[in-house]
Protein backbone atom coordinates (compact mmCIF):
# COMPACT_ATOMS: atom_id res chain seq x y z
CA MET A 1 21.87 -3.69 -67.48
CA PRO A 2 19.34 -2.33 -69.99
CA ASP A 3 19.29 -3.38 -73.54
CA ASP A 4 19.84 -0.28 -75.59
CA THR A 5 18.95 -1.94 -78.95
CA PRO A 6 16.29 -0.06 -80.58
CA ALA A 7 12.93 -2.10 -80.59
CA PRO A 8 11.38 -2.74 -84.06
CA GLU A 9 8.51 -0.53 -84.57
CA LEU A 10 5.07 -2.57 -84.13
CA ARG A 11 1.84 -1.53 -85.57
CA PRO A 12 -0.82 -1.23 -82.81
CA ASP A 13 -3.09 -3.38 -84.57
CA LEU A 14 -0.77 -6.34 -84.65
CA ILE A 15 -0.64 -6.22 -80.88
CA LEU A 16 -4.50 -5.85 -80.39
CA ASP A 17 -5.20 -8.78 -82.71
CA GLN A 18 -3.39 -11.04 -80.16
CA ILE A 19 -5.79 -10.04 -77.24
CA ALA A 20 -8.64 -12.46 -76.94
CA GLU A 21 -11.06 -9.64 -75.53
CA ALA A 22 -12.81 -7.46 -77.84
CA VAL A 23 -11.30 -3.92 -78.37
CA ILE A 24 -13.49 -1.41 -79.97
CA TYR A 25 -12.89 2.23 -80.53
CA ALA A 26 -15.36 4.69 -81.54
CA ASP A 27 -15.06 8.20 -82.63
CA THR A 28 -17.06 11.21 -80.72
CA ARG A 29 -20.02 10.45 -83.07
CA GLY A 30 -20.30 6.82 -82.19
CA PHE A 31 -18.84 5.33 -85.37
CA ILE A 32 -16.43 2.28 -85.05
CA ARG A 33 -12.85 3.05 -85.99
CA LEU A 34 -11.03 0.06 -84.47
CA TRP A 35 -12.21 -3.44 -84.43
CA ASN A 36 -10.11 -6.12 -83.28
CA ARG A 37 -9.95 -10.12 -83.77
CA GLY A 38 -11.43 -10.48 -80.15
CA ALA A 39 -14.39 -8.15 -81.41
CA GLU A 40 -14.78 -10.12 -84.51
CA ALA A 41 -15.13 -13.48 -82.34
CA LEU A 42 -17.29 -11.77 -79.91
CA PHE A 43 -19.94 -10.04 -82.21
CA GLY A 44 -19.62 -12.09 -85.42
CA PHE A 45 -18.66 -9.14 -87.49
CA THR A 46 -15.65 -9.02 -89.54
CA ALA A 47 -13.56 -5.67 -89.27
CA ALA A 48 -14.50 -4.90 -92.75
CA GLU A 49 -18.21 -4.96 -91.79
CA ALA A 50 -17.94 -3.23 -88.61
CA LEU A 51 -15.59 -0.27 -89.42
CA GLY A 52 -17.49 2.76 -90.10
CA GLN A 53 -20.74 1.56 -88.78
CA SER A 54 -22.46 3.07 -85.86
CA LEU A 55 -22.19 1.20 -82.50
CA ASP A 56 -25.97 0.55 -82.83
CA LEU A 57 -24.35 -2.52 -84.70
CA ILE A 58 -23.92 -4.34 -81.45
CA ILE A 59 -26.25 -2.48 -79.21
CA PRO A 60 -29.61 -4.23 -78.68
CA GLU A 61 -32.48 -1.80 -79.80
CA ASN A 62 -34.12 -1.63 -76.31
CA LEU A 63 -30.88 -0.38 -74.83
CA ARG A 64 -29.95 2.18 -77.58
CA GLN A 65 -31.41 5.21 -75.91
CA ALA A 66 -29.80 4.80 -72.49
CA HIS A 67 -26.43 3.96 -74.39
CA TRP A 68 -26.71 7.25 -76.50
CA ARG A 69 -27.71 9.47 -73.39
CA GLY A 70 -24.63 8.14 -71.48
CA PHE A 71 -22.11 8.26 -74.51
CA ASP A 72 -23.17 11.84 -75.51
CA ALA A 73 -22.83 13.17 -71.89
CA ALA A 74 -19.48 11.36 -71.59
CA ILE A 75 -18.21 12.92 -74.89
CA ARG A 76 -19.42 16.45 -73.83
CA SER A 77 -18.19 16.35 -70.29
CA GLY A 78 -14.96 14.37 -70.97
CA LYS A 79 -15.77 12.20 -68.01
CA THR A 80 -17.50 8.82 -67.67
CA ARG A 81 -18.73 7.17 -64.44
CA LEU A 82 -17.87 3.89 -66.04
CA ALA A 83 -14.28 4.39 -66.35
CA GLY A 84 -12.27 1.55 -64.55
CA HIS A 85 -15.35 -0.30 -63.49
CA PRO A 86 -16.19 -3.34 -65.62
CA THR A 87 -19.91 -3.18 -66.36
CA LEU A 88 -22.26 -6.04 -67.07
CA THR A 89 -24.53 -5.38 -70.03
CA ARG A 90 -26.07 -6.85 -73.15
CA ALA A 91 -24.87 -6.90 -76.61
CA GLN A 92 -26.13 -8.10 -80.03
CA HIS A 93 -24.34 -10.54 -82.10
CA LYS A 94 -24.40 -10.61 -86.06
CA SER A 95 -26.76 -13.48 -85.86
CA GLY A 96 -29.18 -11.37 -83.64
CA GLU A 97 -28.44 -13.54 -80.43
CA LYS A 98 -28.22 -11.35 -77.30
CA ARG A 99 -25.20 -11.93 -75.20
CA TYR A 100 -24.01 -10.78 -71.67
CA VAL A 101 -20.90 -9.00 -71.90
CA GLU A 102 -18.57 -7.25 -69.32
CA MET A 103 -17.15 -4.17 -70.72
CA SER A 104 -14.66 -1.54 -69.50
CA PHE A 105 -14.86 1.91 -71.10
CA ALA A 106 -12.36 4.84 -71.22
CA LEU A 107 -12.41 7.98 -73.08
CA VAL A 108 -9.61 8.72 -75.36
CA ILE A 109 -8.17 12.40 -74.83
CA ASP A 110 -5.88 13.92 -77.41
CA SER A 111 -4.51 17.18 -76.73
CA GLY A 112 -6.92 17.87 -74.15
CA LEU A 113 -9.88 17.06 -76.20
CA VAL A 114 -12.16 13.84 -76.33
CA ALA A 115 -11.18 12.09 -79.41
CA GLY A 116 -13.59 9.04 -78.87
CA SER A 117 -14.18 6.03 -76.48
CA VAL A 118 -12.61 2.70 -76.22
CA ALA A 119 -14.25 -0.36 -74.68
CA VAL A 120 -12.91 -3.65 -73.87
CA ALA A 121 -15.33 -6.65 -73.86
CA ARG A 122 -15.58 -10.11 -72.90
CA ASP A 123 -18.58 -12.61 -73.35
CA VAL A 124 -19.68 -13.75 -69.88
CA THR A 125 -23.06 -15.37 -71.00
CA GLU A 126 -22.21 -18.76 -69.79
CA ARG A 127 -21.28 -17.37 -66.40
CA VAL A 128 -24.31 -15.14 -66.14
CA GLU A 129 -26.62 -18.10 -67.21
CA ARG A 130 -25.07 -20.36 -64.49
CA GLU A 131 -25.55 -17.78 -61.87
CA LYS A 132 -29.10 -17.47 -62.95
CA ALA A 133 -29.68 -21.22 -62.88
CA ALA A 134 -28.19 -21.43 -59.19
CA ARG A 135 -30.22 -18.59 -58.02
CA GLN A 136 -33.24 -20.26 -59.48
CA ALA A 137 -32.41 -23.61 -57.99
CA GLY A 138 -31.69 -21.86 -54.43
CA THR A 139 -28.02 -22.65 -54.50
CA ALA A 140 -24.93 -20.47 -54.49
CA PRO A 141 -23.24 -19.55 -57.76
CA LEU A 142 -20.61 -21.99 -59.21
CA PRO A 143 -16.97 -20.56 -59.66
């Protein structure tokens, strides 16, 4: 039998801050509008430092041109070939350190219009480095 008791209203940020992965939402101009605790841990910037900043904050300089080309095309067309496909890329930590991250992207559609883009990211630097070392040693990657 279902419970008909009204559920308490929860703020989405309370839920998002419980997720270990970084969750980042950017508007159609590429400015960060949502930044959870997972993003703080992964990239080193607090929400206060990241909110309102360009996504360039976490994109290594050598990847920015390609990123913005794809971002702008997705915003204009309302489609992204990356939706639902975790993608391995590089990101930049506040310290300047480059990290390997696996990111999933989706466009946020509101009333038929693109409102922005959301990404979920996790640090996979250790895994990628292990796989590189295994390839260089001529052995299979470790699980």
